[in-house]
Amino acid sequence: LVASVTSGGSTNYADSVKGRFTISRDNAKNTMYLQMNSLKPGDT
């Protein structure tokens, strides 16, 4: 598990990605996103 987001907007992240990844969702579009910054080879 990398990251999760509830219907209420509460988020959780794996320790390895905290501070680098951001999870979000657009309920109107039924779409979820994962913004990944400062990527490392271990993220492959």
PDB file of all heavy atoms in Angstrom:
ATOM      1  N   LEU A   1       0.846  -1.187   0.000  1.00  0.00           N
ATOM      2  CA  LEU A   1       0.000   0.000   0.000  1.00  0.00           C
ATOM      3  C   LEU A   1       0.885   1.242   0.000  1.00  0.00           C
ATOM      4  O   LEU A   1       1.749   1.397   0.860  1.00  0.00           O
ATOM      5  CB  LEU A   1      -0.908  -0.002   1.222  1.00  0.00           C
ATOM      6  CG  LEU A   1      -1.812   1.222   1.415  1.00  0.00           C
ATOM      7  CD1 LEU A   1      -2.813   1.338   0.274  1.00  0.00           C
ATOM      8  CD2 LEU A   1      -2.540   1.131   2.753  1.00  0.00           C
ATOM      9  N   VAL A   2       0.650   2.129  -0.957  1.00  0.00           N
ATOM     10  CA  VAL A   2       1.420   3.358  -1.080  1.00  0.00           C
ATOM     11  C   VAL A   2       0.720   4.512  -0.373  1.00  0.00           C
ATOM     12  O   VAL A   2       1.320   5.239   0.419  1.00  0.00           O
ATOM     13  CB  VAL A   2       1.659   3.722  -2.554  1.00  0.00           C
ATOM     14  CG1 VAL A   2       2.406   5.049  -2.676  1.00  0.00           C
ATOM     15  CG2 VAL A   2       2.431   2.610  -3.257  1.00  0.00           C
ATOM     16  N   ALA A   3      -0.551   4.703  -0.678  1.00  0.00           N
ATOM     17  CA  ALA A   3      -1.323   5.799  -0.109  1.00  0.00           C
ATOM     18  C   ALA A   3      -2.799   5.504  -0.246  1.00  0.00           C
ATOM     19  O   ALA A   3      -3.217   4.780  -1.150  1.00  0.00           O
ATOM     20  CB  ALA A   3      -0.987   7.129  -0.801  1.00  0.00           C
ATOM     21  N   SER A   4      -3.600   6.059   0.641  1.00  0.00           N
ATOM     22  CA  SER A   4      -5.040   5.879   0.595  1.00  0.00           C
ATOM     23  C   SER A   4      -5.740   7.176   0.957  1.00  0.00           C
ATOM     24  O   SER A   4      -5.168   8.041   1.626  1.00  0.00           O
ATOM     25  CB  SER A   4      -5.494   4.755   1.532  1.00  0.00           C
ATOM     26  OG  SER A   4      -5.217   5.081   2.885  1.00  0.00           O
ATOM     27  N   VAL A   5      -6.975   7.296   0.510  1.00  0.00           N
ATOM     28  CA  VAL A   5      -7.786   8.463   0.828  1.00  0.00           C
ATOM     29  C   VAL A   5      -9.228   8.013   1.015  1.00  0.00           C
ATOM     30  O   VAL A   5      -9.769   7.256   0.200  1.00  0.00           O
ATOM     31  CB  VAL A   5      -7.669   9.558  -0.265  1.00  0.00           C
ATOM     32  CG1 VAL A   5      -8.048   9.015  -1.641  1.00  0.00           C
ATOM     33  CG2 VAL A   5      -8.513  10.768   0.097  1.00  0.00           C
ATOM     34  N   THR A   6      -9.855   8.448   2.100  1.00  0.00           N
ATOM     35  CA  THR A   6     -11.242   8.093   2.375  1.00  0.00           C
ATOM     36  C   THR A   6     -12.183   9.043   1.657  1.00  0.00           C
ATOM     37  O   THR A   6     -11.776  10.057   1.091  1.00  0.00           O
ATOM     38  CB  THR A   6     -11.533   8.133   3.879  1.00  0.00           C
ATOM     39  OG1 THR A   6     -11.498   9.492   4.330  1.00  0.00           O
ATOM     40  CG2 THR A   6     -10.512   7.315   4.665  1.00  0.00           C
ATOM     41  N   SER A   7     -13.473   8.710   1.699  1.00  0.00           N
ATOM     42  CA  SER A   7     -14.468   9.589   1.096  1.00  0.00           C
ATOM     43  C   SER A   7     -14.512  10.943   1.790  1.00  0.00           C
ATOM     44  O   SER A   7     -14.910  11.939   1.170  1.00  0.00           O
ATOM     45  CB  SER A   7     -15.856   8.940   1.140  1.00  0.00           C
ATOM     46  OG  SER A   7     -16.251   8.668   2.471  1.00  0.00           O
ATOM     47  N   GLY A   8     -14.100  10.987   3.058  1.00  0.00           N
ATOM     48  CA  GLY A   8     -14.060  12.231   3.802  1.00  0.00           C
ATOM     49  C   GLY A   8     -12.782  13.017   3.620  1.00  0.00           C
ATOM     50  O   GLY A   8     -12.640  14.103   4.200  1.00  0.00           O
ATOM     51  N   GLY A   9     -11.833  12.485   2.845  1.00  0.00           N
ATOM     52  CA  GLY A   9     -10.610  13.203   2.558  1.00  0.00           C
ATOM     53  C   GLY A   9      -9.437  12.881   3.460  1.00  0.00           C
ATOM     54  O   GLY A   9      -8.368  13.488   3.311  1.00  0.00           O
ATOM     55  N   SER A  10      -9.594  11.948   4.378  1.00  0.00           N
ATOM     56  CA  SER A  10      -8.491  11.558   5.250  1.00  0.00           C
ATOM     57  C   SER A  10      -7.478  10.730   4.466  1.00  0.00           C
ATOM     58  O   SER A  10      -7.857   9.807   3.744  1.00  0.00           O
ATOM     59  CB  SER A  10      -9.010  10.763   6.440  1.00  0.00           C
ATOM     60  OG  SER A  10      -7.950  10.362   7.282  1.00  0.00           O
ATOM     61  N   THR A  11      -6.191  11.045   4.606  1.00  0.00           N
ATOM     62  CA  THR A  11      -5.149  10.378   3.832  1.00  0.00           C
ATOM     63  C   THR A  11      -4.160   9.655   4.723  1.00  0.00           C
ATOM     64  O   THR A  11      -3.941  10.026   5.879  1.00  0.00           O
ATOM     65  CB  THR A  11      -4.383  11.377   2.952  1.00  0.00           C
ATOM     66  OG1 THR A  11      -3.777  12.374   3.790  1.00  0.00           O
ATOM     67  CG2 THR A  11      -5.320  12.059   1.968  1.00  0.00           C
ATOM     68  N   ASN A  12      -3.537   8.620   4.164  1.00  0.00           N
ATOM     69  CA  ASN A  12      -2.471   7.880   4.819  1.00  0.00           C
ATOM     70  C   ASN A  12      -1.420   7.533   3.784  1.00  0.00           C
ATOM     71  O   ASN A  12      -1.743   7.293   2.616  1.00  0.00           O
ATOM     72  CB  ASN A  12      -2.996   6.613   5.487  1.00  0.00           C
ATOM     73  CG  ASN A  12      -3.720   6.887   6.782  1.00  0.00           C
ATOM     74  OD1 ASN A  12      -3.087   7.150   7.800  1.00  0.00           O
ATOM     75  ND2 ASN A  12      -5.047   6.842   6.743  1.00  0.00           N
ATOM     76  N   TYR A  13      -0.151   7.482   4.225  1.00  0.00           N
ATOM     77  CA  TYR A  13       0.956   7.219   3.329  1.00  0.00           C
ATOM     78  C   TYR A  13       1.903   6.198   3.926  1.00  0.00           C
ATOM     79  O   TYR A  13       2.101   6.147   5.145  1.00  0.00           O
ATOM     80  CB  TYR A  13       1.748   8.495   3.044  1.00  0.00           C
ATOM     81  CG  TYR A  13       0.965   9.570   2.348  1.00  0.00           C
ATOM     82  CD1 TYR A  13       0.273  10.532   3.075  1.00  0.00           C
ATOM     83  CD2 TYR A  13       0.920   9.632   0.961  1.00  0.00           C
ATOM     84  CE1 TYR A  13      -0.452  11.529   2.433  1.00  0.00           C
ATOM     85  CE2 TYR A  13       0.201  10.627   0.316  1.00  0.00           C
ATOM     86  CZ  TYR A  13      -0.481  11.566   1.060  1.00  0.00           C
ATOM     87  OH  TYR A  13      -1.197  12.553   0.415  1.00  0.00           O
ATOM     88  N   ALA A  14       2.512   5.405   3.063  1.00  0.00           N
ATOM     89  CA  ALA A  14       3.602   4.555   3.492  1.00  0.00           C
ATOM     90  C   ALA A  14       4.774   5.432   3.919  1.00  0.00           C
ATOM     91  O   ALA A  14       4.993   6.512   3.360  1.00  0.00           O
ATOM     92  CB  ALA A  14       4.023   3.623   2.367  1.00  0.00           C
ATOM     93  N   ASP A  15       5.541   4.970   4.914  1.00  0.00           N
ATOM     94  CA  ASP A  15       6.660   5.760   5.410  1.00  0.00           C
ATOM     95  C   ASP A  15       7.652   6.111   4.302  1.00  0.00           C
ATOM     96  O   ASP A  15       8.247   7.192   4.313  1.00  0.00           O
ATOM     97  CB  ASP A  15       7.388   5.006   6.524  1.00  0.00           C
ATOM     98  CG  ASP A  15       6.588   4.946   7.809  1.00  0.00           C
ATOM     99  OD1 ASP A  15       5.658   5.755   7.977  1.00  0.00           O
ATOM    100  OD2 ASP A  15       6.904   4.087   8.656  1.00  0.00           O
ATOM    101  N   SER A  16       7.822   5.228   3.345  1.00  0.00           N
ATOM    102  CA  SER A  16       8.809   5.426   2.300  1.00  0.00           C
ATOM    103  C   SER A  16       8.466   6.559   1.333  1.00  0.00           C
ATOM    104  O   SER A  16       9.344   7.021   0.601  1.00  0.00           O
ATOM    105  CB  SER A  16       9.007   4.130   1.510  1.00  0.00           C
ATOM    106  OG  SER A  16       7.791   3.716   0.908  1.00  0.00           O
ATOM    107  N   VAL A  17       7.208   7.008   1.324  1.00  0.00           N
ATOM    108  CA  VAL A  17       6.801   8.046   0.380  1.00  0.00           C
ATOM    109  C   VAL A  17       6.320   9.320   1.058  1.00  0.00           C
ATOM    110  O   VAL A  17       6.020  10.302   0.365  1.00  0.00           O
ATOM    111  CB  VAL A  17       5.712   7.538  -0.593  1.00  0.00           C
ATOM    112  CG1 VAL A  17       6.159   6.255  -1.273  1.00  0.00           C
ATOM    113  CG2 VAL A  17       4.379   7.338   0.129  1.00  0.00           C
ATOM    114  N   LYS A  18       6.263   9.341   2.374  1.00  0.00           N
ATOM    115  CA  LYS A  18       5.801  10.531   3.083  1.00  0.00           C
ATOM    116  C   LYS A  18       6.678  11.735   2.744  1.00  0.00           C
ATOM    117  O   LYS A  18       7.902  11.648   2.729  1.00  0.00           O
ATOM    118  CB  LYS A  18       5.812  10.292   4.592  1.00  0.00           C
ATOM    119  CG  LYS A  18       4.699   9.394   5.083  1.00  0.00           C
ATOM    120  CD  LYS A  18       4.758   9.213   6.598  1.00  0.00           C
ATOM    121  CE  LYS A  18       3.634   8.333   7.093  1.00  0.00           C
ATOM    122  NZ  LYS A  18       3.719   8.093   8.553  1.00  0.00           N
ATOM    123  N   GLY A  19       6.031  12.851   2.475  1.00  0.00           N
ATOM    124  CA  GLY A  19       6.744  14.064   2.122  1.00  0.00           C
ATOM    125  C   GLY A  19       7.069  14.183   0.656  1.00  0.00           C
ATOM    126  O   GLY A  19       7.482  15.266   0.206  1.00  0.00           O
ATOM    127  N   ARG A  20       6.902  13.106  -0.107  1.00  0.00           N
ATOM    128  CA  ARG A  20       7.215  13.121  -1.537  1.00  0.00           C
ATOM    129  C   ARG A  20       5.980  12.915  -2.409  1.00  0.00           C
ATOM    130  O   ARG A  20       5.889  13.487  -3.499  1.00  0.00           O
ATOM    131  CB  ARG A  20       8.247  12.046  -1.880  1.00  0.00           C
ATOM    132  CG  ARG A  20       9.573  12.214  -1.157  1.00  0.00           C
ATOM    133  CD  ARG A  20      10.627  11.240  -1.684  1.00  0.00           C
ATOM    134  NE  ARG A  20      10.248   9.842  -1.457  1.00  0.00           N
ATOM    135  CZ  ARG A  20      10.078   8.956  -2.433  1.00  0.00           C
ATOM    136  NH1 ARG A  20      10.258   9.304  -3.701  1.00  0.00           N
ATOM    137  NH2 ARG A  20       9.752   7.696  -2.147  1.00  0.00           N
ATOM    138  N   PHE A  21       5.040  12.083  -1.945  1.00  0.00           N
ATOM    139  CA  PHE A  21       3.840  11.761  -2.716  1.00  0.00           C
ATOM    140  C   PHE A  21       2.620  12.432  -2.096  1.00  0.00           C
ATOM    141  O   PHE A  21       2.541  12.593  -0.875  1.00  0.00           O
ATOM    142  CB  PHE A  21       3.593  10.250  -2.743  1.00  0.00           C
ATOM    143  CG  PHE A  21       4.590   9.453  -3.541  1.00  0.00           C
ATOM    144  CD1 PHE A  21       5.744  10.019  -4.042  1.00  0.00           C
ATOM    145  CD2 PHE A  21       4.343   8.109  -3.786  1.00  0.00           C
ATOM    146  CE1 PHE A  21       6.659   9.275  -4.772  1.00  0.00           C
ATOM    147  CE2 PHE A  21       5.240   7.350  -4.512  1.00  0.00           C
ATOM    148  CZ  PHE A  21       6.399   7.935  -5.006  1.00  0.00           C
ATOM    149  N   THR A  22       1.653  12.780  -2.936  1.00  0.00           N
ATOM    150  CA  THR A  22       0.397  13.344  -2.478  1.00  0.00           C
ATOM    151  C   THR A  22      -0.757  12.661  -3.201  1.00  0.00           C
ATOM    152  O   THR A  22      -0.794  12.642  -4.427  1.00  0.00           O
ATOM    153  CB  THR A  22       0.322  14.856  -2.728  1.00  0.00           C
ATOM    154  OG1 THR A  22       1.417  15.510  -2.070  1.00  0.00           O
ATOM    155  CG2 THR A  22      -0.989  15.418  -2.179  1.00  0.00           C
ATOM    156  N   ILE A  23      -1.693  12.109  -2.435  1.00  0.00           N
ATOM    157  CA  ILE A  23      -2.872  11.474  -3.006  1.00  0.00           C
ATOM    158  C   ILE A  23      -4.045  12.449  -2.931  1.00  0.00           C
ATOM    159  O   ILE A  23      -4.185  13.198  -1.965  1.00  0.00           O
ATOM    160  CB  ILE A  23      -3.202  10.150  -2.279  1.00  0.00           C
ATOM    161  CG1 ILE A  23      -4.305   9.386  -3.014  1.00  0.00           C
ATOM    162  CG2 ILE A  23      -3.587  10.394  -0.825  1.00  0.00           C
ATOM    163  CD1 ILE A  23      -4.533   7.976  -2.465  1.00  0.00           C
ATOM    164  N   SER A  24      -4.881  12.448  -3.957  1.00  0.00           N
ATOM    165  CA  SER A  24      -6.047  13.314  -3.982  1.00  0.00           C
ATOM    166  C   SER A  24      -7.131  12.667  -4.829  1.00  0.00           C
ATOM    167  O   SER A  24      -6.887  11.681  -5.536  1.00  0.00           O
ATOM    168  CB  SER A  24      -5.690  14.702  -4.529  1.00  0.00           C
ATOM    169  OG  SER A  24      -5.216  14.619  -5.860  1.00  0.00           O
ATOM    170  N   ARG A  25      -8.334  13.220  -4.759  1.00  0.00           N
ATOM    171  CA  ARG A  25      -9.441  12.686  -5.550  1.00  0.00           C
ATOM    172  C   ARG A  25     -10.379  13.800  -5.966  1.00  0.00           C
ATOM    173  O   ARG A  25     -10.518  14.814  -5.277  1.00  0.00           O
ATOM    174  CB  ARG A  25     -10.199  11.603  -4.769  1.00  0.00           C
ATOM    175  CG  ARG A  25     -10.841  12.090  -3.478  1.00  0.00           C
ATOM    176  CD  ARG A  25     -11.317  10.926  -2.616  1.00  0.00           C
ATOM    177  NE  ARG A  25     -12.481  10.253  -3.187  1.00  0.00           N
ATOM    178  CZ  ARG A  25     -13.026   9.151  -2.685  1.00  0.00           C
ATOM    179  NH1 ARG A  25     -12.502   8.572  -1.605  1.00  0.00           N
ATOM    180  NH2 ARG A  25     -14.088   8.612  -3.268  1.00  0.00           N
ATOM    181  N   ASP A  26     -11.024  13.598  -7.098  1.00  0.00           N
ATOM    182  CA  ASP A  26     -12.035  14.504  -7.619  1.00  0.00           C
ATOM    183  C   ASP A  26     -13.314  13.692  -7.739  1.00  0.00           C
ATOM    184  O   ASP A  26     -13.486  12.929  -8.688  1.00  0.00           O
ATOM    185  CB  ASP A  26     -11.616  15.070  -8.969  1.00  0.00           C
ATOM    186  CG  ASP A  26     -12.575  16.120  -9.500  1.00  0.00           C
ATOM    187  OD1 ASP A  26     -13.760  16.118  -9.096  1.00  0.00           O
ATOM    188  OD2 ASP A  26     -12.149  16.952 -10.322  1.00  0.00           O
ATOM    189  N   ASN A  27     -14.202  13.838  -6.769  1.00  0.00           N
ATOM    190  CA  ASN A  27     -15.412  13.025  -6.736  1.00  0.00           C
ATOM    191  C   ASN A  27     -16.340  13.303  -7.915  1.00  0.00           C
ATOM    192  O   ASN A  27     -17.051  12.410  -8.377  1.00  0.00           O
ATOM    193  CB  ASN A  27     -16.156  13.239  -5.414  1.00  0.00           C
ATOM    194  CG  ASN A  27     -15.406  12.683  -4.225  1.00  0.00           C
ATOM    195  OD1 ASN A  27     -14.671  11.703  -4.348  1.00  0.00           O
ATOM    196  ND2 ASN A  27     -15.590  13.297  -3.062  1.00  0.00           N
ATOM    197  N   ALA A  28     -16.348  14.531  -8.405  1.00  0.00           N
ATOM    198  CA  ALA A  28     -17.194  14.873  -9.540  1.00  0.00           C
ATOM    199  C   ALA A  28     -16.781  14.123 -10.799  1.00  0.00           C
ATOM    200  O   ALA A  28     -17.603  13.854 -11.675  1.00  0.00           O
ATOM    201  CB  ALA A  28     -17.179  16.377  -9.789  1.00  0.00           C
ATOM    202  N   LYS A  29     -15.500  13.791 -10.897  1.00  0.00           N
ATOM    203  CA  LYS A  29     -14.972  13.088 -12.063  1.00  0.00           C
ATOM    204  C   LYS A  29     -14.714  11.608 -11.796  1.00  0.00           C
ATOM    205  O   LYS A  29     -14.254  10.900 -12.694  1.00  0.00           O
ATOM    206  CB  LYS A  29     -13.671  13.739 -12.532  1.00  0.00           C
ATOM    207  CG  LYS A  29     -13.826  15.174 -13.006  1.00  0.00           C
ATOM    208  CD  LYS A  29     -12.486  15.732 -13.465  1.00  0.00           C
ATOM    209  CE  LYS A  29     -12.630  17.153 -13.968  1.00  0.00           C
ATOM    210  NZ  LYS A  29     -11.327  17.715 -14.414  1.00  0.00           N
ATOM    211  N   ASN A  30     -14.989  11.140 -10.573  1.00  0.00           N
ATOM    212  CA  ASN A  30     -14.688   9.760 -10.178  1.00  0.00           C
ATOM    213  C   ASN A  30     -13.240   9.409 -10.503  1.00  0.00           C
ATOM    214  O   ASN A  30     -12.939   8.339 -11.035  1.00  0.00           O
ATOM    215  CB  ASN A  30     -15.646   8.776 -10.865  1.00  0.00           C
ATOM    216  CG  ASN A  30     -17.042   8.832 -10.295  1.00  0.00           C
ATOM    217  OD1 ASN A  30     -17.243   9.132  -9.116  1.00  0.00           O
ATOM    218  ND2 ASN A  30     -18.031   8.533 -11.131  1.00  0.00           N
ATOM    219  N   THR A  31     -12.355  10.315 -10.161  1.00  0.00           N
ATOM    220  CA  THR A  31     -10.952  10.179 -10.501  1.00  0.00           C
ATOM    221  C   THR A  31     -10.066  10.411  -9.277  1.00  0.00           C
ATOM    222  O   THR A  31     -10.355  11.276  -8.446  1.00  0.00           O
ATOM    223  CB  THR A  31     -10.559  11.162 -11.612  1.00  0.00           C
ATOM    224  OG1 THR A  31     -11.372  10.921 -12.774  1.00  0.00           O
ATOM    225  CG2 THR A  31      -9.101  10.994 -12.002  1.00  0.00           C
ATOM    226  N   MET A  32      -9.000   9.630  -9.180  1.00  0.00           N
ATOM    227  CA  MET A  32      -8.014   9.753  -8.115  1.00  0.00           C
ATOM    228  C   MET A  32      -6.656  10.033  -8.740  1.00  0.00           C
ATOM    229  O   MET A  32      -6.363   9.581  -9.851  1.00  0.00           O
ATOM    230  CB  MET A  32      -7.966   8.460  -7.298  1.00  0.00           C
ATOM    231  CG  MET A  32      -6.888   8.431  -6.226  1.00  0.00           C
ATOM    232  SD  MET A  32      -6.895   6.883  -5.265  1.00  0.00           S
ATOM    233  CE  MET A  32      -6.515   5.676  -6.537  1.00  0.00           C
ATOM    234  N   TYR A  33      -5.815  10.753  -8.005  1.00  0.00           N
ATOM    235  CA  TYR A  33      -4.504  11.133  -8.508  1.00  0.00           C
ATOM    236  C   TYR A  33      -3.420  10.783  -7.494  1.00  0.00           C
ATOM    237  O   TYR A  33      -3.663  10.698  -6.295  1.00  0.00           O
ATOM    238  CB  TYR A  33      -4.437  12.634  -8.789  1.00  0.00           C
ATOM    239  CG  TYR A  33      -5.524  13.135  -9.698  1.00  0.00           C
ATOM    240  CD1 TYR A  33      -6.699  13.666  -9.176  1.00  0.00           C
ATOM    241  CD2 TYR A  33      -5.384  13.073 -11.079  1.00  0.00           C
ATOM    242  CE1 TYR A  33      -7.705  14.129 -10.011  1.00  0.00           C
ATOM    243  CE2 TYR A  33      -6.382  13.531 -11.914  1.00  0.00           C
ATOM    244  CZ  TYR A  33      -7.540  14.056 -11.379  1.00  0.00           C
ATOM    245  OH  TYR A  33      -8.537  14.512 -12.213  1.00  0.00           O
ATOM    246  N   LEU A  34      -2.218  10.607  -7.988  1.00  0.00           N
ATOM    247  CA  LEU A  34      -1.053  10.447  -7.133  1.00  0.00           C
ATOM    248  C   LEU A  34       0.057  11.311  -7.712  1.00  0.00           C
ATOM    249  O   LEU A  34       0.619  10.987  -8.762  1.00  0.00           O
ATOM    250  CB  LEU A  34      -0.606   8.989  -7.049  1.00  0.00           C
ATOM    251  CG  LEU A  34       0.551   8.715  -6.082  1.00  0.00           C
ATOM    252  CD1 LEU A  34       0.106   8.948  -4.638  1.00  0.00           C
ATOM    253  CD2 LEU A  34       1.080   7.292  -6.249  1.00  0.00           C
ATOM    254  N   GLN A  35       0.349  12.414  -7.040  1.00  0.00           N
ATOM    255  CA  GLN A  35       1.453  13.278  -7.435  1.00  0.00           C
ATOM    256  C   GLN A  35       2.719  12.751  -6.787  1.00  0.00           C
ATOM    257  O   GLN A  35       2.800  12.667  -5.561  1.00  0.00           O
ATOM    258  CB  GLN A  35       1.194  14.720  -7.003  1.00  0.00           C
ATOM    259  CG  GLN A  35       2.317  15.691  -7.356  1.00  0.00           C
ATOM    260  CD  GLN A  35       2.471  15.874  -8.849  1.00  0.00           C
ATOM    261  OE1 GLN A  35       1.492  16.088  -9.556  1.00  0.00           O
ATOM    262  NE2 GLN A  35       3.699  15.778  -9.335  1.00  0.00           N
ATOM    263  N   MET A  36       3.706  12.403  -7.591  1.00  0.00           N
ATOM    264  CA  MET A  36       4.945  11.819  -7.114  1.00  0.00           C
ATOM    265  C   MET A  36       6.098  12.762  -7.436  1.00  0.00           C
ATOM    266  O   MET A  36       6.387  13.029  -8.602  1.00  0.00           O
ATOM    267  CB  MET A  36       5.181  10.450  -7.748  1.00  0.00           C
ATOM    268  CG  MET A  36       4.025   9.475  -7.551  1.00  0.00           C
ATOM    269  SD  MET A  36       4.391   7.813  -8.174  1.00  0.00           S
ATOM    270  CE  MET A  36       4.485   8.158  -9.930  1.00  0.00           C
ATOM    271  N   ASN A  37       6.747  13.263  -6.402  1.00  0.00           N
ATOM    272  CA  ASN A  37       7.890  14.154  -6.547  1.00  0.00           C
ATOM    273  C   ASN A  37       9.143  13.507  -5.967  1.00  0.00           C
ATOM    274  O   ASN A  37       9.067  12.562  -5.190  1.00  0.00           O
ATOM    275  CB  ASN A  37       7.625  15.487  -5.842  1.00  0.00           C
ATOM    276  CG  ASN A  37       6.444  16.238  -6.408  1.00  0.00           C
ATOM    277  OD1 ASN A  37       6.182  16.203  -7.606  1.00  0.00           O
ATOM    278  ND2 ASN A  37       5.724  16.948  -5.541  1.00  0.00           N
ATOM    279  N   SER A  38      10.294  14.046  -6.337  1.00  0.00           N
ATOM    280  CA  SER A  38      11.578  13.542  -5.836  1.00  0.00           C
ATOM    281  C   SER A  38      11.672  12.030  -5.970  1.00  0.00           C
ATOM    282  O   SER A  38      12.036  11.316  -5.028  1.00  0.00           O
ATOM    283  CB  SER A  38      11.784  13.963  -4.373  1.00  0.00           C
ATOM    284  OG  SER A  38      11.747  15.368  -4.240  1.00  0.00           O
ATOM    285  N   LEU A  39      11.362  11.536  -7.145  1.00  0.00           N
ATOM    286  CA  LEU A  39      11.317  10.098  -7.370  1.00  0.00           C
ATOM    287  C   LEU A  39      12.694   9.460  -7.222  1.00  0.00           C
ATOM    288  O   LEU A  39      13.719  10.055  -7.576  1.00  0.00           O
ATOM    289  CB  LEU A  39      10.747   9.800  -8.748  1.00  0.00           C
ATOM    290  CG  LEU A  39       9.225   9.945  -8.855  1.00  0.00           C
ATOM    291  CD1 LEU A  39       8.793  10.059 -10.307  1.00  0.00           C
ATOM    292  CD2 LEU A  39       8.541   8.760  -8.180  1.00  0.00           C
ATOM    293  N   LYS A  40      12.696   8.249  -6.686  1.00  0.00           N
ATOM    294  CA  LYS A  40      13.904   7.473  -6.455  1.00  0.00           C
ATOM    295  C   LYS A  40      13.833   6.173  -7.242  1.00  0.00           C
ATOM    296  O   LYS A  40      12.747   5.700  -7.566  1.00  0.00           O
ATOM    297  CB  LYS A  40      14.057   7.153  -4.960  1.00  0.00           C
ATOM    298  CG  LYS A  40      14.039   8.353  -4.042  1.00  0.00           C
ATOM    299  CD  LYS A  40      14.047   7.913  -2.584  1.00  0.00           C
ATOM    300  CE  LYS A  40      14.012   9.100  -1.649  1.00  0.00           C
ATOM    301  NZ  LYS A  40      13.997   8.673  -0.222  1.00  0.00           N
ATOM    302  N   PRO A  41      14.984   5.558  -7.542  1.00  0.00           N
ATOM    303  CA  PRO A  41      14.947   4.254  -8.221  1.00  0.00           C
ATOM    304  C   PRO A  41      14.113   3.221  -7.472  1.00  0.00           C
ATOM    305  O   PRO A  41      13.494   2.357  -8.107  1.00  0.00           O
ATOM    306  CB  PRO A  41      16.423   3.850  -8.271  1.00  0.00           C
ATOM    307  CG  PRO A  41      17.153   5.151  -8.328  1.00  0.00           C
ATOM    308  CD  PRO A  41      16.354   6.076  -7.434  1.00  0.00           C
ATOM    309  N   GLY A  42      14.061   3.303  -6.144  1.00  0.00           N
ATOM    310  CA  GLY A  42      13.264   2.383  -5.354  1.00  0.00           C
ATOM    311  C   GLY A  42      11.768   2.525  -5.561  1.00  0.00           C
ATOM    312  O   GLY A  42      11.006   1.657  -5.126  1.00  0.00           O
ATOM    313  N   ASP A  43      11.342   3.602  -6.213  1.00  0.00           N
ATOM    314  CA  ASP A  43       9.923   3.778  -6.526  1.00  0.00           C
ATOM    315  C   ASP A  43       9.510   3.014  -7.777  1.00  0.00           C
ATOM    316  O   ASP A  43       8.321   2.987  -8.109  1.00  0.00           O
ATOM    317  CB  ASP A  43       9.602   5.257  -6.714  1.00  0.00           C
ATOM    318  CG  ASP A  43       9.810   6.070  -5.445  1.00  0.00           C
ATOM    319  OD1 ASP A  43       9.452   5.581  -4.358  1.00  0.00           O
ATOM    320  OD2 ASP A  43      10.333   7.206  -5.554  1.00  0.00           O
ATOM    321  N   THR A  44      10.455   2.429  -8.480  1.00  0.00           N
ATOM    322  CA  THR A  44      10.149   1.675  -9.691  1.00  0.00           C
ATOM    323  C   THR A  44       9.233   0.506  -9.365  1.00  0.00           C
ATOM    324  O   THR A  44       9.550  -0.334  -8.516  1.00  0.00           O
ATOM    325  CB  THR A  44      11.437   1.168 -10.347  1.00  0.00           C
ATOM    326  OG1 THR A  44      12.224   2.281 -10.787  1.00  0.00           O
ATOM    327  CG2 THR A  44      11.121   0.282 -11.547  1.00  0.00           C
TER     328      THR A  44
END
